[in-house]
């Protein structure tokens, strides 16, 4: 999962409504002479204004919101990194810290989710500082004659830092399974410019999936959770597509099952043809190249049917009448199935079919042995397989 789709948490601040629970974020910031505190709500969509308050007089501030759902806020002093506050409806949250190093020294009370957000942010910051130090060491020794060995050592240390951050993140997710701060944990990045994520392995998708399942039950109306839910669904589609591509590119893999209606309405299964060599062929009545290839298939089918060859043809038609008419006109006397969903065909998506005609040759054990063999190439391969 090296390319994870980025969930864009664009920021905007909206005016308070008076139909939620009164939530207060207040604080006391020391050594704040001449300082302003800026704050902004993190939204899923849209850039909103940044608000501010003058801390010069007392160092205290107070933000009041009427919330129906958990909300994310950034608070910062100019020139410093922002802290993240995760506010639940009705909470009374207090922030205390020093103006010259607020990100590193603040204390938060009245909000368990804000405490969790602080842990996540501080741990990631520590990791990023380590990585930055390693990069600086590398550039210092660029002209060293032993740069190759130095680079190898630094690379190992670099990867170790990332793995430690990943392990911490997984532990955090497991210890706080239903916390909405998991959204922050899931989308941590090592390098935002190159979309390098802390959770980067294929196996890490399960943490996105589990978090989505738990949070969607707990906060079904939260825009942040709904965005995560949509993102996870898209990631799942991409993962399935990649799996199928790997499956179909690797000869020797088992052909996924297809069970769809025939023209008569009976459900036909691809697996029912085990024991024979099967050409799984994707076509449609409206596809001119498919129709041009059909006479070749008719000839090959007649030649090898008695020797243990079958054709299982999946149509990407929308009209049953057009599908059945084409079968009759082209004299296609083999197995036919279709869900009449055009490019939304379950079988086409399962096999990652993006153009037709397309075919997959399957052996007696249900194993994929070739792709897109047509005409003489298909004839030659069947001859080798069936004529001893």
Protein backbone atom coordinates (compact mmCIF):
# COMPACT_ATOMS: atom_id res chain seq x y z
CA UNK A 1 0.00 0.00 0.00
CA UNK A 2 2.84 2.34 -0.87
CA UNK A 3 0.44 4.62 -2.69
CA UNK A 4 -2.27 5.35 -0.30
CA UNK A 5 -4.96 7.64 -1.48
CA UNK A 6 -4.49 10.93 0.47
CA UNK A 7 -7.46 12.03 2.60
CA UNK A 8 -7.32 15.80 2.18
CA UNK A 9 -8.31 17.49 5.42
CA UNK A 10 -8.59 21.02 4.08
CA UNK A 11 -9.17 23.61 6.78
CA UNK A 12 -11.87 26.18 7.35
CA UNK A 13 -13.53 27.89 10.30
CA UNK A 14 -17.29 28.17 10.38
CA UNK A 15 -19.46 30.38 12.55
CA UNK A 16 -20.99 28.77 15.61
CA UNK A 17 -24.49 27.43 15.38
CA UNK A 18 -26.81 27.40 18.34
CA UNK A 19 -28.23 23.92 17.91
CA UNK A 20 -25.46 21.79 19.44
CA UNK A 21 -23.75 21.21 22.78
CA UNK A 22 -21.73 24.12 24.14
CA UNK A 23 -18.05 23.25 23.89
CA UNK A 24 -15.38 25.46 25.42
CA UNK A 25 -11.69 25.54 24.53
CA UNK A 26 -9.87 27.86 26.90
CA UNK A 27 -6.32 28.29 28.02
CA UNK A 28 -3.52 30.16 29.71
CA UNK A 29 -0.34 30.85 27.78
CA UNK A 30 2.66 32.24 29.68
CA UNK A 31 5.38 34.58 28.32
CA UNK A 32 2.97 35.79 25.66
CA UNK A 33 3.70 39.51 25.47
CA UNK A 34 2.97 40.75 21.94
CA UNK A 35 1.73 37.31 20.88
CA UNK A 36 -1.45 36.26 19.09
CA UNK A 37 -3.05 32.83 19.23
CA UNK A 38 -4.40 31.67 15.87
CA UNK A 39 -6.98 28.95 15.52
CA UNK A 40 -8.71 27.18 12.68
CA UNK A 41 -11.12 24.26 12.37
CA UNK A 42 -9.99 21.35 10.25
CA UNK A 43 -12.68 20.53 7.71
CA UNK A 44 -12.91 17.83 5.08
CA UNK A 45 -13.70 20.35 2.34
CA UNK A 46 -13.09 24.02 1.83
CA UNK A 47 -10.59 26.59 3.06
CA UNK A 48 -12.01 28.89 5.69
CA UNK A 49 -10.73 31.97 7.54
CA UNK A 50 -8.14 31.86 10.30
CA UNK A 51 -9.28 33.52 13.51
CA UNK A 52 -7.02 34.98 16.20
CA UNK A 53 -7.00 36.41 19.69
CA UNK A 54 -4.53 38.80 21.38
CA UNK A 55 -2.73 37.14 24.28
CA UNK A 56 -0.81 40.25 25.36
CA UNK A 57 -2.97 41.34 28.28
CA UNK A 58 -3.42 38.16 30.32
CA UNK A 59 -2.31 35.22 28.23
CA UNK A 60 -5.75 33.70 28.50
CA UNK A 61 -8.11 32.82 25.67
CA UNK A 62 -11.53 31.25 25.26
CA UNK A 63 -13.18 29.69 22.21
CA UNK A 64 -16.81 28.64 22.43
CA UNK A 65 -18.42 26.30 19.90
CA UNK A 66 -21.81 24.63 19.71
CA UNK A 67 -21.00 21.16 18.44
CA UNK A 68 -23.11 18.22 17.38
CA UNK A 69 -20.15 16.11 16.30
CA UNK A 70 -16.48 15.78 17.23
CA UNK A 71 -14.40 18.51 15.60
CA UNK A 72 -10.70 19.07 14.92
CA UNK A 73 -8.94 22.38 15.57
CA UNK A 74 -5.46 23.74 15.04
CA UNK A 75 -4.11 26.29 17.52
CA UNK A 76 -0.75 28.00 17.06
CA UNK A 77 1.41 31.02 17.72
CA UNK A 78 3.02 32.62 14.69
CA UNK A 79 6.24 30.92 13.65
CA UNK A 80 5.49 27.73 15.59
CA UNK A 81 4.00 24.34 14.83
CA UNK A 82 0.26 24.03 15.53
CA UNK A 83 -1.18 21.88 18.26
CA UNK A 84 -4.24 19.78 17.53
CA UNK A 85 -7.37 19.85 19.66
CA UNK A 86 -10.06 17.21 19.14
CA UNK A 87 -13.26 18.53 20.74
CA UNK A 88 -16.27 16.40 21.56
CA UNK A 89 -19.69 18.09 22.04
CA UNK A 90 -20.05 19.55 25.52
CA UNK A 91 -16.40 19.23 26.55
CA UNK A 92 -14.60 21.88 28.62
CA UNK A 93 -11.03 21.78 27.37
CA UNK A 94 -8.12 23.62 28.92
CA UNK A 95 -4.75 24.31 27.30
CA UNK A 96 -1.73 25.49 29.30
CA UNK A 97 1.76 26.19 28.01
CA UNK A 98 4.59 28.57 27.17
CA UNK A 99 4.27 30.92 24.21
CA UNK A 100 7.82 30.35 22.95
CA UNK A 101 7.47 26.56 22.69
CA UNK A 102 3.77 25.77 22.87
CA UNK A 103 3.89 22.67 20.65
CA UNK A 104 6.42 20.91 22.87
CA UNK A 105 5.31 21.87 26.36
CA UNK A 106 1.55 22.34 26.44
CA UNK A 107 -0.73 20.46 28.81
CA UNK A 108 -4.30 19.62 27.90
CA UNK A 109 -7.12 18.60 30.20
CA UNK A 110 -10.82 17.90 29.75
CA UNK A 111 -10.36 16.02 26.45
CA UNK A 112 -9.01 12.49 26.17
CA UNK A 113 -9.00 12.68 22.37
CA UNK A 114 -6.91 15.87 22.50
CA UNK A 115 -4.41 14.07 24.75
CA UNK A 116 -4.22 11.25 22.22
CA UNK A 117 -3.72 13.74 19.38
CA UNK A 118 -0.84 15.27 21.33
CA UNK A 119 0.83 11.88 21.73
CA UNK A 120 0.53 11.16 18.00
CA UNK A 121 1.86 14.55 16.94
CA UNK A 122 4.81 14.56 19.37
CA UNK A 123 5.88 11.05 18.42
CA UNK A 124 5.75 11.84 14.71
CA UNK A 125 7.65 15.08 15.28
CA UNK A 126 10.36 13.17 17.13
CA UNK A 127 10.65 10.69 14.26
CA UNK A 128 10.81 13.45 11.65
CA UNK A 129 13.57 15.19 13.62
CA UNK A 130 15.57 11.96 13.67
CA UNK A 131 15.15 11.53 9.93
CA UNK A 132 16.15 15.13 9.34
CA UNK A 133 19.33 14.58 11.38
CA UNK A 134 20.20 11.51 9.32
CA UNK A 135 19.73 13.51 6.10
CA UNK A 136 22.05 16.21 7.41
CA UNK A 137 24.71 13.63 8.26
CA UNK A 138 24.43 12.20 4.75
CA UNK A 139 24.97 15.58 3.12
CA UNK A 140 27.90 16.28 5.44
CA UNK A 141 29.70 13.14 4.24
CA UNK A 142 28.79 13.35 0.53
CA UNK A 143 32.44 13.79 -0.49
CA UNK A 144 33.77 11.19 1.92
CA UNK A 145 35.52 8.27 0.14
CA UNK A 146 33.51 5.86 2.30
CA UNK A 147 30.17 7.42 1.34
CA UNK A 148 28.80 4.08 0.08
CA UNK A 149 29.20 2.41 3.48
CA UNK A 150 28.03 5.56 5.27
CA UNK A 151 24.94 5.73 3.07
CA UNK A 152 24.12 2.08 3.79
CA UNK A 153 24.34 2.64 7.54
CA UNK A 154 22.27 5.82 7.37
CA UNK A 155 19.67 4.11 5.19
CA UNK A 156 19.34 1.26 7.69
CA UNK A 157 18.89 3.77 10.51
CA UNK A 158 16.41 5.76 8.42
CA UNK A 159 14.29 2.67 7.74
CA UNK A 160 14.50 1.66 11.39
CA UNK A 161 13.08 5.04 12.44
CA UNK A 162 10.17 4.67 10.04
CA UNK A 163 9.50 1.12 11.22
CA UNK A 164 9.50 2.27 14.85
CA UNK A 165 6.96 4.99 14.02
CA UNK A 166 4.86 2.44 12.17
CA UNK A 167 4.97 0.02 15.13
CA UNK A 168 4.02 2.83 17.52
CA UNK A 169 1.09 3.79 15.26
CA UNK A 170 -0.20 0.23 15.09
CA UNK A 171 0.02 -0.06 18.89
CA UNK A 172 -1.83 3.25 19.23
CA UNK A 173 -4.62 2.10 16.92
CA UNK A 174 -4.98 -1.19 18.79
CA UNK A 175 -5.08 0.51 22.20
CA UNK A 176 -7.63 3.15 21.12
CA UNK A 177 -9.81 1.30 18.59
CA UNK A 178 -12.82 3.65 18.63
CA UNK A 179 -11.09 7.01 19.11
CA UNK A 180 -11.70 9.51 16.32
CA UNK A 181 -8.05 10.56 16.69
CA UNK A 182 -7.25 7.35 14.80
CA UNK A 183 -7.99 9.33 11.65
CA UNK A 184 -4.94 11.47 12.48
CA UNK A 185 -2.86 8.35 13.19
CA UNK A 186 -3.84 6.64 9.93
CA UNK A 187 -2.79 9.53 7.72
CA UNK A 188 0.58 10.40 9.23
CA UNK A 189 3.14 11.21 6.58
CA UNK A 190 6.91 11.02 6.56
CA UNK A 191 7.16 13.07 3.38
CA UNK A 192 3.96 14.91 2.35
CA UNK A 193 5.48 16.07 -0.95
CA UNK A 194 5.96 12.48 -2.09
CA UNK A 195 2.92 11.05 -0.28
CA UNK A 196 5.12 8.82 1.91
CA UNK A 197 2.97 7.45 4.71
CA UNK A 198 3.84 5.85 8.04
CA UNK A 199 1.41 3.02 7.25
CA UNK A 200 2.80 2.07 3.86
CA UNK A 201 2.66 -1.72 3.64
CA UNK A 202 -0.04 -3.67 1.82
CA UNK A 203 -0.95 -5.39 5.07
CA UNK A 204 -1.62 -2.01 6.73
CA UNK A 205 -4.90 -1.67 4.87
CA UNK A 206 -6.48 -3.77 7.62
CA UNK A 207 -5.96 -0.91 10.08
CA UNK A 208 -7.78 1.52 7.78
CA UNK A 209 -10.54 -1.03 7.27
CA UNK A 210 -11.00 -1.79 10.97
CA UNK A 211 -10.91 1.88 11.98
CA UNK A 212 -13.45 2.72 9.30
CA UNK A 213 -15.77 -0.06 10.47
CA UNK A 214 -15.65 1.02 14.12
CA UNK A 215 -15.84 4.77 13.59
CA UNK A 216 -18.58 4.55 10.96
CA UNK A 217 -20.77 2.81 13.53
CA UNK A 218 -19.92 5.32 16.25
CA UNK A 219 -19.96 8.56 14.20
CA UNK A 220 -21.95 7.84 11.01
CA UNK A 221 -22.72 11.55 10.45
CA UNK A 222 -19.21 12.89 10.97
CA UNK A 223 -17.81 14.41 7.74
CA UNK A 224 -14.33 13.20 8.72
CA UNK A 225 -15.55 9.66 9.26
CA UNK A 226 -17.59 9.70 6.06
CA UNK A 227 -14.48 10.85 4.17
CA UNK A 228 -12.48 8.01 5.72
CA UNK A 229 -15.25 5.56 4.78
CA UNK A 230 -15.21 6.71 1.14
CA UNK A 231 -11.43 6.61 1.10
CA UNK A 232 -11.32 3.06 2.48
CA UNK A 233 -13.83 1.86 -0.11
CA UNK A 234 -11.68 3.33 -2.87
CA UNK A 235 -8.56 1.79 -1.37
CA UNK A 236 -10.32 -1.57 -1.24
CA UNK A 237 -11.19 -1.33 -4.94
CA UNK A 238 -7.60 -0.47 -5.77
CA UNK A 239 -6.27 -3.34 -3.68
CA UNK A 240 -8.66 -5.79 -5.32
CA UNK A 241 -7.61 -4.51 -8.72
CA UNK A 242 -3.94 -4.94 -7.88
CA UNK A 243 -4.59 -8.43 -6.53
CA UNK A 244 -6.39 -9.43 -9.71
CA UNK A 245 -3.65 -7.94 -11.87
CA UNK A 246 -1.08 -9.96 -9.97
CA UNK A 247 -3.30 -13.01 -10.19
CA UNK A 248 -3.78 -12.73 -13.91
CA UNK A 249 -0.17 -11.85 -14.64
CA UNK A 250 1.05 -14.91 -12.73
CA UNK A 251 0.50 -18.05 -14.72
CA UNK A 252 -0.31 -20.93 -12.46
CA UNK A 253 -2.86 -19.07 -10.34
CA UNK A 254 -6.37 -20.39 -9.82
CA UNK A 255 -9.07 -18.70 -11.92
CA UNK A 256 -11.58 -16.86 -9.70
CA UNK A 257 -15.10 -18.28 -9.71
CA UNK A 258 -17.79 -16.81 -11.95
CA UNK A 259 -21.45 -17.65 -11.32
CA UNK A 260 -23.87 -15.74 -13.55
CA UNK A 261 -27.20 -16.28 -15.34
CA UNK A 262 -27.39 -17.98 -18.72
CA UNK A 263 -29.85 -16.76 -21.39
CA UNK A 264 -32.36 -19.23 -19.89
CA UNK A 265 -31.96 -17.75 -16.41
CA UNK A 266 -30.03 -20.69 -14.96
CA UNK A 267 -26.90 -19.91 -12.96
CA UNK A 268 -23.80 -21.32 -14.64
CA UNK A 269 -20.49 -21.67 -12.78
CA UNK A 270 -17.07 -21.54 -14.36
CA UNK A 271 -15.86 -24.12 -11.84
CA UNK A 272 -18.38 -26.64 -13.20
CA UNK A 273 -16.12 -27.07 -16.22
CA UNK A 274 -13.12 -28.35 -14.25
CA UNK A 275 -11.69 -31.39 -15.98
CA UNK A 276 -11.66 -29.58 -19.34
CA UNK A 277 -9.55 -26.90 -20.95
CA UNK A 278 -11.68 -23.76 -20.90
CA UNK A 279 -11.45 -20.52 -22.80
CA UNK A 280 -12.98 -17.80 -20.63
CA UNK A 281 -13.96 -15.21 -23.23
CA UNK A 282 -15.28 -11.69 -22.61
CA UNK A 283 -17.32 -10.13 -25.44
CA UNK A 284 -20.54 -8.25 -26.32
CA UNK A 285 -22.99 -8.10 -29.18
CA UNK A 286 -22.07 -4.43 -29.77
CA UNK A 287 -18.32 -5.16 -29.96
CA UNK A 288 -17.31 -5.38 -33.63
CA UNK A 289 -13.87 -6.99 -32.99
CA UNK A 290 -15.59 -9.59 -30.80
CA UNK A 291 -18.06 -10.45 -33.52
CA UNK A 292 -15.20 -10.71 -36.02
CA UNK A 293 -13.38 -13.15 -33.75
CA UNK A 294 -16.45 -15.34 -33.16
CA UNK A 295 -16.15 -17.31 -36.44
CA UNK A 296 -12.61 -18.29 -35.42
CA UNK A 297 -13.92 -19.49 -32.08
CA UNK A 298 -16.69 -21.49 -33.80
CA UNK A 299 -14.09 -23.23 -35.97
CA UNK A 300 -11.74 -23.93 -33.06
CA UNK A 301 -14.59 -25.14 -30.86
CA UNK A 302 -15.73 -27.63 -33.49
CA UNK A 303 -12.14 -28.85 -33.86
CA UNK A 304 -11.33 -29.42 -30.19
CA UNK A 305 -14.67 -29.87 -28.36
CA UNK A 306 -14.55 -33.66 -28.49
CA UNK A 307 -11.02 -33.59 -27.09
CA UNK A 308 -11.99 -31.82 -23.88
CA UNK A 309 -12.20 -28.13 -24.81
CA UNK A 310 -14.97 -25.74 -23.74
CA UNK A 311 -15.76 -22.05 -24.06
CA UNK A 312 -17.32 -20.05 -21.24
CA UNK A 313 -18.33 -16.74 -22.76
CA UNK A 314 -19.21 -13.70 -20.61
CA UNK A 315 -21.18 -10.94 -22.33
CA UNK A 316 -20.92 -7.26 -21.40
CA UNK A 317 -24.26 -6.54 -23.00
CA UNK A 318 -27.03 -4.40 -21.53
CA UNK A 319 -29.86 -5.85 -23.61
CA UNK A 320 -30.79 -9.51 -23.29
CA UNK A 321 -32.47 -9.44 -26.69
CA UNK A 322 -29.31 -8.12 -28.38
CA UNK A 323 -27.17 -10.68 -26.52
CA UNK A 324 -29.37 -13.65 -27.45
CA UNK A 325 -29.69 -12.43 -31.05
CA UNK A 326 -25.91 -12.26 -31.42
CA UNK A 327 -25.50 -15.77 -30.00
CA UNK A 328 -28.00 -17.06 -32.52
CA UNK A 329 -26.62 -15.11 -35.49
CA UNK A 330 -22.99 -16.09 -34.81
CA UNK A 331 -23.96 -19.73 -34.05
CA UNK A 332 -22.19 -19.79 -30.70
CA UNK A 333 -22.98 -23.23 -29.29
CA UNK A 334 -21.19 -23.12 -25.94
CA UNK A 335 -21.71 -21.76 -22.42
CA UNK A 336 -22.98 -18.18 -22.13
CA UNK A 337 -23.51 -15.98 -19.07
CA UNK A 338 -24.17 -12.31 -18.37
CA UNK A 339 -25.56 -10.06 -15.65
CA UNK A 340 -26.38 -7.50 -18.40
CA UNK A 341 -24.54 -4.74 -16.53
CA UNK A 342 -22.29 -3.57 -19.37
CA UNK A 343 -18.91 -2.45 -17.97
CA UNK A 344 -20.26 -2.92 -14.44
CA UNK A 345 -20.28 -6.67 -15.04
CA UNK A 346 -19.19 -8.49 -11.87
CA UNK A 347 -17.07 -10.91 -13.85
CA UNK A 348 -15.37 -8.16 -15.86
CA UNK A 349 -14.45 -6.31 -12.67
CA UNK A 350 -13.30 -9.53 -11.02
CA UNK A 351 -10.90 -10.22 -13.89
CA UNK A 352 -9.97 -6.55 -14.39
CA UNK A 353 -11.25 -6.53 -17.96
CA UNK A 354 -10.82 -3.04 -19.42
CA UNK A 355 -11.25 -3.84 -23.12
CA UNK A 356 -12.84 -6.58 -25.21
CA UNK A 357 -12.40 -9.05 -26.74
CA UNK A 358 -10.36 -10.52 -23.89
CA UNK A 359 -9.77 -14.14 -23.04
CA UNK A 360 -8.09 -16.38 -20.49
CA UNK A 361 -7.17 -20.01 -21.08
CA UNK A 362 -7.71 -22.28 -18.09
CA UNK A 363 -6.45 -25.86 -17.73
CA UNK A 364 -8.26 -28.93 -16.38
CA UNK A 365 -7.45 -28.03 -12.78
CA UNK A 366 -8.82 -24.48 -13.04
CA UNK A 367 -5.37 -22.93 -13.38
CA UNK A 368 -4.69 -19.94 -15.62
CA UNK A 369 -2.17 -20.89 -18.30
CA UNK A 370 -2.50 -18.14 -20.96
CA UNK A 371 -4.18 -14.83 -21.77
CA UNK A 372 -5.64 -13.28 -24.91
CA UNK A 373 -4.85 -16.10 -27.32
CA UNK A 374 -6.82 -15.66 -30.56
CA UNK A 375 -7.02 -17.23 -34.00
CA UNK A 376 -3.97 -19.29 -34.96
CA UNK A 377 -2.27 -18.66 -31.62
CA UNK A 378 -5.18 -20.24 -29.75
CA UNK A 379 -5.34 -23.09 -32.26
CA UNK A 380 -1.62 -23.85 -31.89
CA UNK A 381 -1.80 -23.83 -28.09
CA UNK A 382 -4.80 -26.18 -28.00
CA UNK A 383 -3.12 -28.48 -30.48
CA UNK A 384 -0.12 -28.79 -28.14
CA UNK A 385 -2.39 -29.41 -25.17
CA UNK A 386 -4.98 -31.77 -26.65
CA UNK A 387 -3.37 -33.62 -29.53
CA UNK A 388 -0.69 -35.97 -28.26
